[in-house]
Amino acid sequence: MEQFDLNEQYKLYLQRVGLKEVHMSPIQRIETKRAFFGACGQMLLLMRDDIGAIEDDNKAIEAMDNLLNQVGNFWLNESGKHN
């Protein structure tokens, strides 16, 4: 089974949002990483406990699509690109 590295995902996240740790204050660096890992943990629990409990695969996929749409809408609103 392929192993996923959350530290690598954190680095990818920083790239996506245009942040570089070298330009962050120590507090911002600590709190950003804590928020990232906290959010990852919450999403993993959601996938395991809630999405995993959905017996209909199509409904589970719809639920994940809905979550992706919510995240996309959040970032559109944050960037001011949402009409």
PDB file of N, CA and C in Angstrom:
ATOM      1  N   MET A   1       0.831  -1.175   0.000  1.00  0.00           N
ATOM      2  CA  MET A   1       0.000   0.000   0.000  1.00  0.00           C
ATOM      3  C   MET A   1       0.884   1.251   0.000  1.00  0.00           C
ATOM      4  N   GLU A   2       0.555   2.182  -0.865  1.00  0.00           N
ATOM      5  CA  GLU A   2       1.314   3.420  -0.960  1.00  0.00           C
ATOM      6  C   GLU A   2       1.100   4.262   0.291  1.00  0.00           C
ATOM      7  N   GLN A   3       2.166   4.806   0.808  1.00  0.00           N
ATOM      8  CA  GLN A   3       2.081   5.664   1.988  1.00  0.00           C
ATOM      9  C   GLN A   3       2.044   7.122   1.548  1.00  0.00           C
ATOM     10  N   PHE A   4       1.220   7.899   2.194  1.00  0.00           N
ATOM     11  CA  PHE A   4       1.116   9.325   1.917  1.00  0.00           C
ATOM     12  C   PHE A   4       1.763  10.091   3.057  1.00  0.00           C
ATOM     13  N   ASP A   5       2.500  11.124   2.723  1.00  0.00           N
ATOM     14  CA  ASP A   5       3.231  11.916   3.707  1.00  0.00           C
ATOM     15  C   ASP A   5       2.521  13.254   3.892  1.00  0.00           C
ATOM     16  N   LEU A   6       1.938  13.475   5.060  1.00  0.00           N
ATOM     17  CA  LEU A   6       1.221  14.720   5.306  1.00  0.00           C
ATOM     18  C   LEU A   6       2.151  15.924   5.346  1.00  0.00           C
ATOM     19  N   ASN A   7       3.403  15.741   5.709  1.00  0.00           N
ATOM     20  CA  ASN A   7       4.341  16.859   5.641  1.00  0.00           C
ATOM     21  C   ASN A   7       4.544  17.302   4.197  1.00  0.00           C
ATOM     22  N   GLU A   8       4.587  16.351   3.283  1.00  0.00           N
ATOM     23  CA  GLU A   8       4.690  16.685   1.862  1.00  0.00           C
ATOM     24  C   GLU A   8       3.415  17.375   1.389  1.00  0.00           C
ATOM     25  N   GLN A   9       2.264  16.906   1.853  1.00  0.00           N
ATOM     26  CA  GLN A   9       1.001  17.545   1.506  1.00  0.00           C
ATOM     27  C   GLN A   9       0.950  18.966   2.057  1.00  0.00           C
ATOM     28  N   TYR A  10       1.514  19.173   3.233  1.00  0.00           N
ATOM     29  CA  TYR A  10       1.590  20.518   3.821  1.00  0.00           C
ATOM     30  C   TYR A  10       2.398  21.446   2.917  1.00  0.00           C
ATOM     31  N   LYS A  11       3.525  20.952   2.426  1.00  0.00           N
ATOM     32  CA  LYS A  11       4.355  21.757   1.520  1.00  0.00           C
ATOM     33  C   LYS A  11       3.595  22.086   0.236  1.00  0.00           C
ATOM     34  N   LEU A  12       2.849  21.111  -0.290  1.00  0.00           N
ATOM     35  CA  LEU A  12       2.043  21.351  -1.487  1.00  0.00           C
ATOM     36  C   LEU A  12       0.957  22.383  -1.207  1.00  0.00           C
ATOM     37  N   TYR A  13       0.358  22.302  -0.025  1.00  0.00           N
ATOM     38  CA  TYR A  13      -0.660  23.274   0.377  1.00  0.00           C
ATOM     39  C   TYR A  13      -0.063  24.681   0.396  1.00  0.00           C
ATOM     40  N   LEU A  14       1.106  24.821   1.002  1.00  0.00           N
ATOM     41  CA  LEU A  14       1.737  26.141   1.056  1.00  0.00           C
ATOM     42  C   LEU A  14       1.963  26.695  -0.346  1.00  0.00           C
ATOM     43  N   GLN A  15       2.378  25.832  -1.279  1.00  0.00           N
ATOM     44  CA  GLN A  15       2.564  26.268  -2.660  1.00  0.00           C
ATOM     45  C   GLN A  15       1.240  26.735  -3.263  1.00  0.00           C
ATOM     46  N   ARG A  16       0.180  25.962  -3.042  1.00  0.00           N
ATOM     47  CA  ARG A  16      -1.132  26.303  -3.609  1.00  0.00           C
ATOM     48  C   ARG A  16      -1.647  27.649  -3.129  1.00  0.00           C
ATOM     49  N   VAL A  17      -1.383  27.964  -1.865  1.00  0.00           N
ATOM     50  CA  VAL A  17      -1.891  29.220  -1.322  1.00  0.00           C
ATOM     51  C   VAL A  17      -0.850  30.344  -1.369  1.00  0.00           C
ATOM     52  N   GLY A  18       0.291  30.059  -1.952  1.00  0.00           N
ATOM     53  CA  GLY A  18       1.307  31.090  -2.151  1.00  0.00           C
ATOM     54  C   GLY A  18       2.034  31.524  -0.895  1.00  0.00           C
ATOM     55  N   LEU A  19       2.250  30.596   0.032  1.00  0.00           N
ATOM     56  CA  LEU A  19       2.997  30.904   1.251  1.00  0.00           C
ATOM     57  C   LEU A  19       4.343  30.202   1.238  1.00  0.00           C
ATOM     58  N   LYS A  20       5.337  30.866   1.839  1.00  0.00           N
ATOM     59  CA  LYS A  20       6.656  30.264   2.023  1.00  0.00           C
ATOM     60  C   LYS A  20       7.009  30.393   3.488  1.00  0.00           C
ATOM     61  N   GLU A  21       7.389  29.281   4.087  1.00  0.00           N
ATOM     62  CA  GLU A  21       7.701  29.304   5.521  1.00  0.00           C
ATOM     63  C   GLU A  21       8.799  30.304   5.858  1.00  0.00           C
ATOM     64  N   VAL A  22       9.762  30.502   4.960  1.00  0.00           N
ATOM     65  CA  VAL A  22      10.859  31.428   5.259  1.00  0.00           C
ATOM     66  C   VAL A  22      10.374  32.864   5.401  1.00  0.00           C
ATOM     67  N   HIS A  23       9.207  33.182   4.853  1.00  0.00           N
ATOM     68  CA  HIS A  23       8.657  34.530   4.927  1.00  0.00           C
ATOM     69  C   HIS A  23       7.605  34.661   6.038  1.00  0.00           C
ATOM     70  N   MET A  24       7.355  33.585   6.768  1.00  0.00           N
ATOM     71  CA  MET A  24       6.344  33.591   7.817  1.00  0.00           C
ATOM     72  C   MET A  24       7.006  33.852   9.168  1.00  0.00           C
ATOM     73  N   SER A  25       6.272  34.517  10.041  1.00  0.00           N
ATOM     74  CA  SER A  25       6.767  34.664  11.411  1.00  0.00           C
ATOM     75  C   SER A  25       6.712  33.288  12.076  1.00  0.00           C
ATOM     76  N   PRO A  26       7.475  33.085  13.147  1.00  0.00           N
ATOM     77  CA  PRO A  26       7.412  31.790  13.832  1.00  0.00           C
ATOM     78  C   PRO A  26       6.000  31.413  14.279  1.00  0.00           C
ATOM     79  N   ILE A  27       5.248  32.373  14.779  1.00  0.00           N
ATOM     80  CA  ILE A  27       3.879  32.083  15.222  1.00  0.00           C
ATOM     81  C   ILE A  27       3.002  31.705  14.037  1.00  0.00           C
ATOM     82  N   GLN A  28       3.108  32.439  12.924  1.00  0.00           N
ATOM     83  CA  GLN A  28       2.310  32.110  11.741  1.00  0.00           C
ATOM     84  C   GLN A  28       2.660  30.717  11.226  1.00  0.00           C
ATOM     85  N   ARG A  29       3.949  30.390  11.219  1.00  0.00           N
ATOM     86  CA  ARG A  29       4.395  29.071  10.745  1.00  0.00           C
ATOM     87  C   ARG A  29       3.803  27.969  11.624  1.00  0.00           C
ATOM     88  N   ILE A  30       3.876  28.135  12.934  1.00  0.00           N
ATOM     89  CA  ILE A  30       3.351  27.127  13.867  1.00  0.00           C
ATOM     90  C   ILE A  30       1.840  26.992  13.715  1.00  0.00           C
ATOM     91  N   GLU A  31       1.138  28.112  13.705  1.00  0.00           N
ATOM     92  CA  GLU A  31      -0.323  28.071  13.654  1.00  0.00           C
ATOM     93  C   GLU A  31      -0.841  27.578  12.300  1.00  0.00           C
ATOM     94  N   THR A  32      -0.151  27.908  11.221  1.00  0.00           N
ATOM     95  CA  THR A  32      -0.554  27.419   9.897  1.00  0.00           C
ATOM     96  C   THR A  32      -0.407  25.909   9.826  1.00  0.00           C
ATOM     97  N   LYS A  33       0.701  25.396  10.328  1.00  0.00           N
ATOM     98  CA  LYS A  33       0.912  23.943  10.298  1.00  0.00           C
ATOM     99  C   LYS A  33      -0.078  23.238  11.225  1.00  0.00           C
ATOM    100  N   ARG A  34      -0.352  23.805  12.380  1.00  0.00           N
ATOM    101  CA  ARG A  34      -1.347  23.225  13.287  1.00  0.00           C
ATOM    102  C   ARG A  34      -2.729  23.197  12.634  1.00  0.00           C
ATOM    103  N   ALA A  35      -3.091  24.298  11.993  1.00  0.00           N
ATOM    104  CA  ALA A  35      -4.400  24.360  11.322  1.00  0.00           C
ATOM    105  C   ALA A  35      -4.475  23.333  10.200  1.00  0.00           C
ATOM    106  N   PHE A  36      -3.400  23.195   9.433  1.00  0.00           N
ATOM    107  CA  PHE A  36      -3.380  22.222   8.336  1.00  0.00           C
ATOM    108  C   PHE A  36      -3.550  20.801   8.874  1.00  0.00           C
ATOM    109  N   PHE A  37      -2.755  20.434   9.874  1.00  0.00           N
ATOM    110  CA  PHE A  37      -2.830  19.073  10.403  1.00  0.00           C
ATOM    111  C   PHE A  37      -4.161  18.833  11.131  1.00  0.00           C
ATOM    112  N   GLY A  38      -4.678  19.851  11.795  1.00  0.00           N
ATOM    113  CA  GLY A  38      -5.988  19.716  12.430  1.00  0.00           C
ATOM    114  C   GLY A  38      -7.081  19.472  11.403  1.00  0.00           C
ATOM    115  N   ALA A  39      -7.033  20.224  10.310  1.00  0.00           N
ATOM    116  CA  ALA A  39      -8.020  20.050   9.243  1.00  0.00           C
ATOM    117  C   ALA A  39      -7.876  18.686   8.586  1.00  0.00           C
ATOM    118  N   CYS A  40      -6.640  18.250   8.375  1.00  0.00           N
ATOM    119  CA  CYS A  40      -6.431  16.909   7.803  1.00  0.00           C
ATOM    120  C   CYS A  40      -7.019  15.841   8.716  1.00  0.00           C
ATOM    121  N   GLY A  41      -6.758  15.954   9.987  1.00  0.00           N
ATOM    122  CA  GLY A  41      -7.287  14.979  10.934  1.00  0.00           C
ATOM    123  C   GLY A  41      -8.804  14.954  10.934  1.00  0.00           C
ATOM    124  N   GLN A  42      -9.407  16.141  10.916  1.00  0.00           N
ATOM    125  CA  GLN A  42     -10.864  16.210  10.898  1.00  0.00           C
ATOM    126  C   GLN A  42     -11.425  15.576   9.628  1.00  0.00           C
ATOM    127  N   MET A  43     -10.796  15.841   8.486  1.00  0.00           N
ATOM    128  CA  MET A  43     -11.261  15.263   7.226  1.00  0.00           C
ATOM    129  C   MET A  43     -11.077  13.739   7.216  1.00  0.00           C
ATOM    130  N   LEU A  44      -9.988  13.265   7.786  1.00  0.00           N
ATOM    131  CA  LEU A  44      -9.783  11.814   7.848  1.00  0.00           C
ATOM    132  C   LEU A  44     -10.858  11.152   8.708  1.00  0.00           C
ATOM    133  N   LEU A  45     -11.204  11.782   9.818  1.00  0.00           N
ATOM    134  CA  LEU A  45     -12.280  11.248  10.654  1.00  0.00           C
ATOM    135  C   LEU A  45     -13.614  11.280   9.919  1.00  0.00           C
ATOM    136  N   LEU A  46     -13.869  12.360   9.190  1.00  0.00           N
ATOM    137  CA  LEU A  46     -15.088  12.463   8.395  1.00  0.00           C
ATOM    138  C   LEU A  46     -15.143  11.344   7.362  1.00  0.00           C
ATOM    139  N   MET A  47     -14.026  11.116   6.687  1.00  0.00           N
ATOM    140  CA  MET A  47     -13.992  10.051   5.670  1.00  0.00           C
ATOM    141  C   MET A  47     -14.194   8.674   6.308  1.00  0.00           C
ATOM    142  N   ARG A  48     -13.526   8.435   7.414  1.00  0.00           N
ATOM    143  CA  ARG A  48     -13.617   7.128   8.062  1.00  0.00           C
ATOM    144  C   ARG A  48     -14.995   6.882   8.669  1.00  0.00           C
ATOM    145  N   ASP A  49     -15.484   7.860   9.429  1.00  0.00           N
ATOM    146  CA  ASP A  49     -16.684   7.639  10.222  1.00  0.00           C
ATOM    147  C   ASP A  49     -17.984   7.939   9.481  1.00  0.00           C
ATOM    148  N   ASP A  50     -17.987   8.982   8.677  1.00  0.00           N
ATOM    149  CA  ASP A  50     -19.238   9.423   8.057  1.00  0.00           C
ATOM    150  C   ASP A  50     -19.349   8.991   6.597  1.00  0.00           C
ATOM    151  N   ILE A  51     -18.387   9.361   5.792  1.00  0.00           N
ATOM    152  CA  ILE A  51     -18.425   8.956   4.382  1.00  0.00           C
ATOM    153  C   ILE A  51     -18.319   7.437   4.287  1.00  0.00           C
ATOM    154  N   GLY A  52     -17.450   6.853   5.101  1.00  0.00           N
ATOM    155  CA  GLY A  52     -17.278   5.402   5.095  1.00  0.00           C
ATOM    156  C   GLY A  52     -18.528   4.637   5.491  1.00  0.00           C
ATOM    157  N   ALA A  53     -19.423   5.290   6.226  1.00  0.00           N
ATOM    158  CA  ALA A  53     -20.661   4.639   6.669  1.00  0.00           C
ATOM    159  C   ALA A  53     -21.752   4.667   5.597  1.00  0.00           C
ATOM    160  N   ILE A  54     -21.542   5.429   4.533  1.00  0.00           N
ATOM    161  CA  ILE A  54     -22.532   5.495   3.463  1.00  0.00           C
ATOM    162  C   ILE A  54     -22.407   4.232   2.619  1.00  0.00           C
ATOM    163  N   GLU A  55     -23.449   3.439   2.611  1.00  0.00           N
ATOM    164  CA  GLU A  55     -23.388   2.144   1.928  1.00  0.00           C
ATOM    165  C   GLU A  55     -23.474   2.258   0.408  1.00  0.00           C
ATOM    166  N   ASP A  56     -24.179   3.255  -0.081  1.00  0.00           N
ATOM    167  CA  ASP A  56     -24.327   3.458  -1.517  1.00  0.00           C
ATOM    168  C   ASP A  56     -23.110   4.232  -2.037  1.00  0.00           C
ATOM    169  N   ASP A  57     -22.292   3.589  -2.890  1.00  0.00           N
ATOM    170  CA  ASP A  57     -21.075   4.219  -3.395  1.00  0.00           C
ATOM    171  C   ASP A  57     -21.363   5.537  -4.112  1.00  0.00           C
ATOM    172  N   ASN A  58     -22.436   5.581  -4.876  1.00  0.00           N
ATOM    173  CA  ASN A  58     -22.771   6.813  -5.596  1.00  0.00           C
ATOM    174  C   ASN A  58     -23.082   7.955  -4.633  1.00  0.00           C
ATOM    175  N   LYS A  59     -23.772   7.645  -3.537  1.00  0.00           N
ATOM    176  CA  LYS A  59     -24.079   8.679  -2.545  1.00  0.00           C
ATOM    177  C   LYS A  59     -22.808   9.125  -1.830  1.00  0.00           C
ATOM    178  N   ALA A  60     -21.897   8.210  -1.599  1.00  0.00           N
ATOM    179  CA  ALA A  60     -20.619   8.572  -0.980  1.00  0.00           C
ATOM    180  C   ALA A  60     -19.829   9.493  -1.899  1.00  0.00           C
ATOM    181  N   ILE A  61     -19.815   9.186  -3.180  1.00  0.00           N
ATOM    182  CA  ILE A  61     -19.119  10.036  -4.143  1.00  0.00           C
ATOM    183  C   ILE A  61     -19.780  11.402  -4.222  1.00  0.00           C
ATOM    184  N   GLU A  62     -21.108  11.449  -4.203  1.00  0.00           N
ATOM    185  CA  GLU A  62     -21.832  12.724  -4.203  1.00  0.00           C
ATOM    186  C   GLU A  62     -21.477  13.549  -2.967  1.00  0.00           C
ATOM    187  N   ALA A  63     -21.368  12.883  -1.834  1.00  0.00           N
ATOM    188  CA  ALA A  63     -21.019  13.582  -0.592  1.00  0.00           C
ATOM    189  C   ALA A  63     -19.615  14.186  -0.703  1.00  0.00           C
ATOM    190  N   MET A  64     -18.667  13.430  -1.265  1.00  0.00           N
ATOM    191  CA  MET A  64     -17.309  13.951  -1.430  1.00  0.00           C
ATOM    192  C   MET A  64     -17.281  15.085  -2.442  1.00  0.00           C
ATOM    193  N   ASP A  65     -18.043  14.963  -3.532  1.00  0.00           N
ATOM    194  CA  ASP A  65     -18.138  16.056  -4.505  1.00  0.00           C
ATOM    195  C   ASP A  65     -18.696  17.316  -3.852  1.00  0.00           C
ATOM    196  N   ASN A  66     -19.712  17.144  -2.993  1.00  0.00           N
ATOM    197  CA  ASN A  66     -20.283  18.284  -2.289  1.00  0.00           C
ATOM    198  C   ASN A  66     -19.243  18.959  -1.406  1.00  0.00           C
ATOM    199  N   LEU A  67     -18.443  18.163  -0.715  1.00  0.00           N
ATOM    200  CA  LEU A  67     -17.383  18.723   0.127  1.00  0.00           C
ATOM    201  C   LEU A  67     -16.373  19.500  -0.710  1.00  0.00           C
ATOM    202  N   LEU A  68     -15.975  18.930  -1.849  1.00  0.00           N
ATOM    203  CA  LEU A  68     -15.034  19.624  -2.741  1.00  0.00           C
ATOM    204  C   LEU A  68     -15.633  20.937  -3.229  1.00  0.00           C
ATOM    205  N   ASN A  69     -16.911  20.930  -3.558  1.00  0.00           N
ATOM    206  CA  ASN A  69     -17.572  22.153  -4.004  1.00  0.00           C
ATOM    207  C   ASN A  69     -17.594  23.207  -2.899  1.00  0.00           C
ATOM    208  N   GLN A  70     -17.831  22.777  -1.662  1.00  0.00           N
ATOM    209  CA  GLN A  70     -17.828  23.720  -0.550  1.00  0.00           C
ATOM    210  C   GLN A  70     -16.457  24.369  -0.383  1.00  0.00           C
ATOM    211  N   VAL A  71     -15.409  23.574  -0.507  1.00  0.00           N
ATOM    212  CA  VAL A  71     -14.047  24.111  -0.397  1.00  0.00           C
ATOM    213  C   VAL A  71     -13.779  25.077  -1.551  1.00  0.00           C
ATOM    214  N   GLY A  72     -14.161  24.665  -2.761  1.00  0.00           N
ATOM    215  CA  GLY A  72     -13.967  25.537  -3.922  1.00  0.00           C
ATOM    216  C   GLY A  72     -14.701  26.858  -3.756  1.00  0.00           C
ATOM    217  N   ASN A  73     -15.941  26.813  -3.294  1.00  0.00           N
ATOM    218  CA  ASN A  73     -16.712  28.040  -3.077  1.00  0.00           C
ATOM    219  C   ASN A  73     -16.092  28.918  -2.000  1.00  0.00           C
ATOM    220  N   PHE A  74     -15.574  28.290  -0.949  1.00  0.00           N
ATOM    221  CA  PHE A  74     -14.898  29.056   0.100  1.00  0.00           C
ATOM    222  C   PHE A  74     -13.745  29.855  -0.493  1.00  0.00           C
ATOM    223  N   TRP A  75     -12.896  29.188  -1.293  1.00  0.00           N
ATOM    224  CA  TRP A  75     -11.733  29.880  -1.847  1.00  0.00           C
ATOM    225  C   TRP A  75     -12.123  30.913  -2.893  1.00  0.00           C
ATOM    226  N   LEU A  76     -13.195  30.655  -3.632  1.00  0.00           N
ATOM    227  CA  LEU A  76     -13.682  31.684  -4.562  1.00  0.00           C
ATOM    228  C   LEU A  76     -14.128  32.924  -3.807  1.00  0.00           C
ATOM    229  N   ASN A  77     -14.850  32.733  -2.722  1.00  0.00           N
ATOM    230  CA  ASN A  77     -15.290  33.871  -1.902  1.00  0.00           C
ATOM    231  C   ASN A  77     -14.106  34.582  -1.268  1.00  0.00           C
ATOM    232  N   GLU A  78     -13.133  33.828  -0.799  1.00  0.00           N
ATOM    233  CA  GLU A  78     -11.944  34.423  -0.173  1.00  0.00           C
ATOM    234  C   GLU A  78     -11.145  35.254  -1.168  1.00  0.00           C
ATOM    235  N   SER A  79     -11.098  34.791  -2.412  1.00  0.00           N
ATOM    236  CA  SER A  79     -10.290  35.486  -3.413  1.00  0.00           C
ATOM    237  C   SER A  79     -11.060  36.633  -4.064  1.00  0.00           C
ATOM    238  N   GLY A  80     -12.352  36.763  -3.756  1.00  0.00           N
ATOM    239  CA  GLY A  80     -13.160  37.814  -4.339  1.00  0.00           C
ATOM    240  C   GLY A  80     -13.569  37.545  -5.774  1.00  0.00           C
ATOM    241  N   LYS A  81     -13.408  36.302  -6.249  1.00  0.00           N
ATOM    242  CA  LYS A  81     -13.729  35.962  -7.625  1.00  0.00           C
ATOM    243  C   LYS A  81     -15.128  35.384  -7.784  1.00  0.00           C
ATOM    244  N   HIS A  82     -15.838  35.270  -6.674  1.00  0.00           N
ATOM    245  CA  HIS A  82     -17.192  34.690  -6.725  1.00  0.00           C
ATOM    246  C   HIS A  82     -18.193  35.801  -6.975  1.00  0.00           C
ATOM    247  N   ASN A  83     -19.104  35.578  -7.911  1.00  0.00           N
ATOM    248  CA  ASN A  83     -20.101  36.607  -8.232  1.00  0.00           C
ATOM    249  C   ASN A  83     -21.339  36.416  -7.395  1.00  0.00           C
TER     250      ASN A  83
END
